[in-house]
Protein backbone atom coordinates (compact mmCIF):
# COMPACT_ATOMS: atom_id res chain seq x y z
CA MET A 1 197.18 76.80 175.89
CA SER A 2 197.53 77.60 179.36
CA ASP A 3 195.06 79.99 181.01
CA GLN A 4 197.69 82.94 180.50
CA THR A 5 197.11 83.05 176.75
CA PRO A 6 195.72 86.68 175.61
CA LYS A 7 192.41 86.51 173.80
CA GLY A 8 192.60 88.39 170.78
CA PRO A 9 189.31 90.24 168.97
CA SER A 10 187.60 86.91 168.16
CA SER A 11 187.17 86.38 171.51
CA LEU A 12 185.24 89.19 172.51
CA THR A 13 181.86 88.49 173.70
CA PRO A 14 178.54 90.09 171.55
CA ASP A 15 178.37 92.26 174.85
CA GLN A 16 182.19 93.27 175.33
CA VAL A 17 181.12 94.40 171.31
CA GLU A 18 178.44 96.33 171.79
CA GLN A 19 179.54 97.94 174.54
CA LEU A 20 183.38 98.77 172.09
CA TYR A 21 180.76 99.91 169.26
CA TYR A 22 178.83 102.14 171.67
CA GLY A 23 181.56 103.21 173.21
CA ALA A 24 183.28 104.07 170.06
CA ALA A 25 180.61 106.55 169.10
CA ARG A 26 180.25 108.25 173.26
CA ASP A 27 184.34 108.91 172.71
CA GLY A 28 184.26 110.00 169.83
CA GLN A 29 187.08 106.89 168.47
CA LEU A 30 186.07 107.61 164.71
CA GLU A 31 188.25 104.45 162.83
CA LEU A 32 186.73 102.18 165.25
CA LEU A 33 183.11 103.50 164.79
CA ALA A 34 183.75 103.75 160.87
CA GLU A 35 184.91 99.97 161.13
CA PHE A 36 181.94 99.17 162.84
CA LEU A 37 179.58 100.91 160.78
CA ARG A 38 181.77 99.78 157.23
CA GLN A 39 180.91 96.14 159.12
CA GLY A 40 177.06 96.69 159.04
CA ALA A 41 176.87 98.04 162.86
CA ASP A 42 173.21 99.61 162.73
CA PRO A 43 173.48 103.08 163.53
CA ASN A 44 170.07 103.58 164.91
CA ARG A 45 170.48 100.88 167.12
CA PRO A 46 169.90 101.89 171.02
CA ASP A 47 172.06 101.08 173.62
CA GLY A 48 170.89 99.16 176.33
CA ARG A 49 169.99 102.56 178.50
CA GLY A 50 167.98 103.33 175.26
CA PHE A 51 170.42 105.83 173.42
CA SER A 52 171.45 105.08 170.29
CA PRO A 53 175.20 105.29 168.63
CA LEU A 54 174.09 109.27 167.86
CA ILE A 55 172.74 110.35 170.59
CA LEU A 56 175.75 108.92 172.26
CA ALA A 57 178.20 111.13 170.26
CA SER A 58 176.12 114.20 170.36
CA TYR A 59 175.65 113.96 174.18
CA ASN A 60 179.43 113.75 174.53
CA GLY A 61 180.15 116.92 172.39
CA GLN A 62 182.06 114.24 169.50
CA ALA A 63 180.80 116.39 166.41
CA GLU A 64 183.27 114.45 163.98
CA ALA A 65 181.56 111.73 165.26
CA VAL A 66 178.40 113.15 164.63
CA GLU A 67 178.85 113.48 161.26
CA LEU A 68 180.15 110.25 160.67
CA LEU A 69 176.77 108.40 161.89
CA LEU A 70 174.90 110.82 159.94
CA LYS A 71 176.48 109.73 156.63
CA ALA A 72 175.65 106.56 157.65
CA GLY A 73 172.25 106.88 157.92
CA ALA A 74 171.71 107.63 161.43
CA VAL A 75 168.29 109.33 162.35
CA VAL A 76 168.40 112.59 163.26
CA ASP A 77 165.45 112.78 165.58
CA GLY A 78 165.60 109.43 166.57
CA ARG A 79 165.19 109.53 170.89
CA ASP A 80 166.17 108.18 174.02
CA ALA A 81 164.74 106.41 176.44
CA LYS A 82 162.57 109.57 177.45
CA GLY A 83 161.69 110.77 174.52
CA ALA A 84 164.83 113.51 173.45
CA THR A 85 166.59 113.81 170.49
CA ALA A 86 170.17 114.78 170.11
CA LEU A 87 169.16 118.18 169.27
CA ALA A 88 167.50 118.77 172.72
CA GLY A 89 170.79 117.04 174.72
CA VAL A 90 172.99 119.24 173.07
CA ALA A 91 170.86 122.21 173.45
CA PHE A 92 171.24 122.17 177.46
CA LYS A 93 174.95 121.11 177.04
CA ASN A 94 175.19 123.86 174.39
CA GLU A 95 177.15 122.42 171.88
CA LEU A 96 176.80 125.03 169.45
CA GLU A 97 178.71 123.00 166.42
CA ILE A 98 176.96 119.64 166.67
CA ALA A 99 173.56 121.32 167.13
CA ARG A 100 174.46 123.02 163.78
CA ARG A 101 175.11 119.76 162.18
CA LEU A 102 171.95 117.85 163.20
CA ILE A 103 169.76 121.36 161.67
CA ALA A 104 171.56 120.75 158.59
CA ALA A 105 170.42 117.31 158.76
CA GLY A 106 166.82 118.05 158.72
CA ALA A 107 166.66 117.76 163.29
CA ASP A 108 163.04 118.68 164.11
CA VAL A 109 164.35 122.35 165.99
CA ASP A 110 160.92 121.53 167.79
CA ALA A 111 160.80 118.08 168.46
CA PRO A 112 159.17 117.60 172.17
CA ASN A 113 160.50 114.56 174.86
CA ASP A 114 158.03 112.73 176.51
CA MET A 115 157.65 115.86 178.78
CA GLY A 116 156.79 118.20 175.98
CA ARG A 117 159.82 120.12 176.16
CA THR A 118 161.63 121.03 173.07
CA PRO A 119 165.61 122.13 172.86
CA LEU A 120 164.10 125.88 172.90
CA MET A 121 163.35 124.87 176.15
CA PHE A 122 166.27 123.20 177.47
CA ALA A 123 168.49 125.98 175.85
CA THR A 124 166.42 128.80 177.96
CA MET A 125 166.17 126.81 181.17
CA PHE A 126 169.78 126.38 181.10
CA GLY A 127 170.52 130.00 179.54
CA ARG A 128 172.44 128.74 176.76
CA LEU A 129 171.85 132.13 174.82
CA ALA A 130 173.78 131.87 171.88
CA MET A 131 171.87 128.42 171.18
CA MET A 132 168.85 130.27 171.95
CA ASP A 133 169.97 132.44 169.01
CA LEU A 134 170.82 129.19 166.80
CA LEU A 135 167.40 127.50 167.63
CA LEU A 136 165.20 130.79 167.04
CA GLU A 137 167.04 131.91 163.58
CA ALA A 138 166.42 127.37 162.33
CA GLY A 139 162.83 128.36 163.16
CA ALA A 140 162.21 127.13 166.90
CA ASP A 141 158.77 128.27 168.24
CA PRO A 142 158.82 130.28 171.64
CA THR A 143 155.20 129.53 172.75
CA ARG A 144 155.29 125.69 171.89
CA ALA A 145 153.59 124.10 175.59
CA ASP A 146 155.56 121.40 177.06
CA ALA A 147 152.78 118.65 179.22
CA GLU A 148 152.38 121.16 182.02
CA GLY A 149 151.09 123.71 179.56
CA LYS A 150 154.54 125.63 179.84
CA SER A 151 156.39 127.33 176.81
CA ALA A 152 159.50 128.46 176.40
CA LEU A 153 158.92 131.51 176.74
CA ASP A 154 156.74 130.94 180.01
CA LEU A 155 160.15 129.04 181.37
CA THR A 156 162.38 132.05 181.05
CA ALA A 157 160.61 134.33 183.02
CA GLY A 158 161.90 135.06 186.37
CA GLN A 159 164.73 134.12 185.87
CA SER A 160 167.67 136.70 187.12
CA ASP A 161 168.60 137.45 183.22
CA PRO A 162 165.91 139.60 181.93
CA SER A 163 167.08 139.87 178.47
CA ILE A 164 166.41 135.80 178.27
CA PHE A 165 162.66 136.58 178.29
CA GLU A 166 162.90 139.61 176.32
CA LYS A 167 164.27 137.79 173.00
CA LEU A 168 162.02 135.16 173.66
CA GLN A 169 159.27 137.64 173.57
CA ARG A 170 160.49 139.49 170.38
CA ALA A 171 160.69 136.23 168.87
CA ALA A 172 157.27 135.28 169.00
CA ALA A 173 156.03 138.49 168.58
CA ALA A 174 157.59 137.79 164.97
CA ARG A 175 156.10 134.60 164.87
CA ASP A 176 152.66 136.41 165.03
CA GLU A 177 154.03 138.93 162.38
CA GLY A 178 155.03 136.58 160.32
């Protein structure tokens, strides 16, 4: 054989196979991702940067890949290298469909990252009103404090859109009454 012979799938290195797997999750290549899962790929094993397939799919807006991974046993509240869950990532990116799927699968709407920031905090900091509504309807706590002692309510005070602060004030008051 010459050096010009094309390499087939059997000649892939383990690193290349891993790149294909995580790339399939990130890019929403459903057939390839499904085949990896059928062959026993772990839906919870993080890549070299600390991202699980579910987090990669979620952070990159791949709703169908998220669904496939959840059905394959992906842990909905698995964490990335900074302690963030998939729901936190989609909260600031405003991926409502994926957020709904994660919440339906049991995602903790108040899961804090390593700095104590919750999905609601990310949604409020980035002015994601529809995401805020979704998280509040799912029971997110607007008064939960992060590592600096600030809540989602505190993080919105002084923002240019006063409706965000008012919405969180109403949600906090409703929690106190209930």
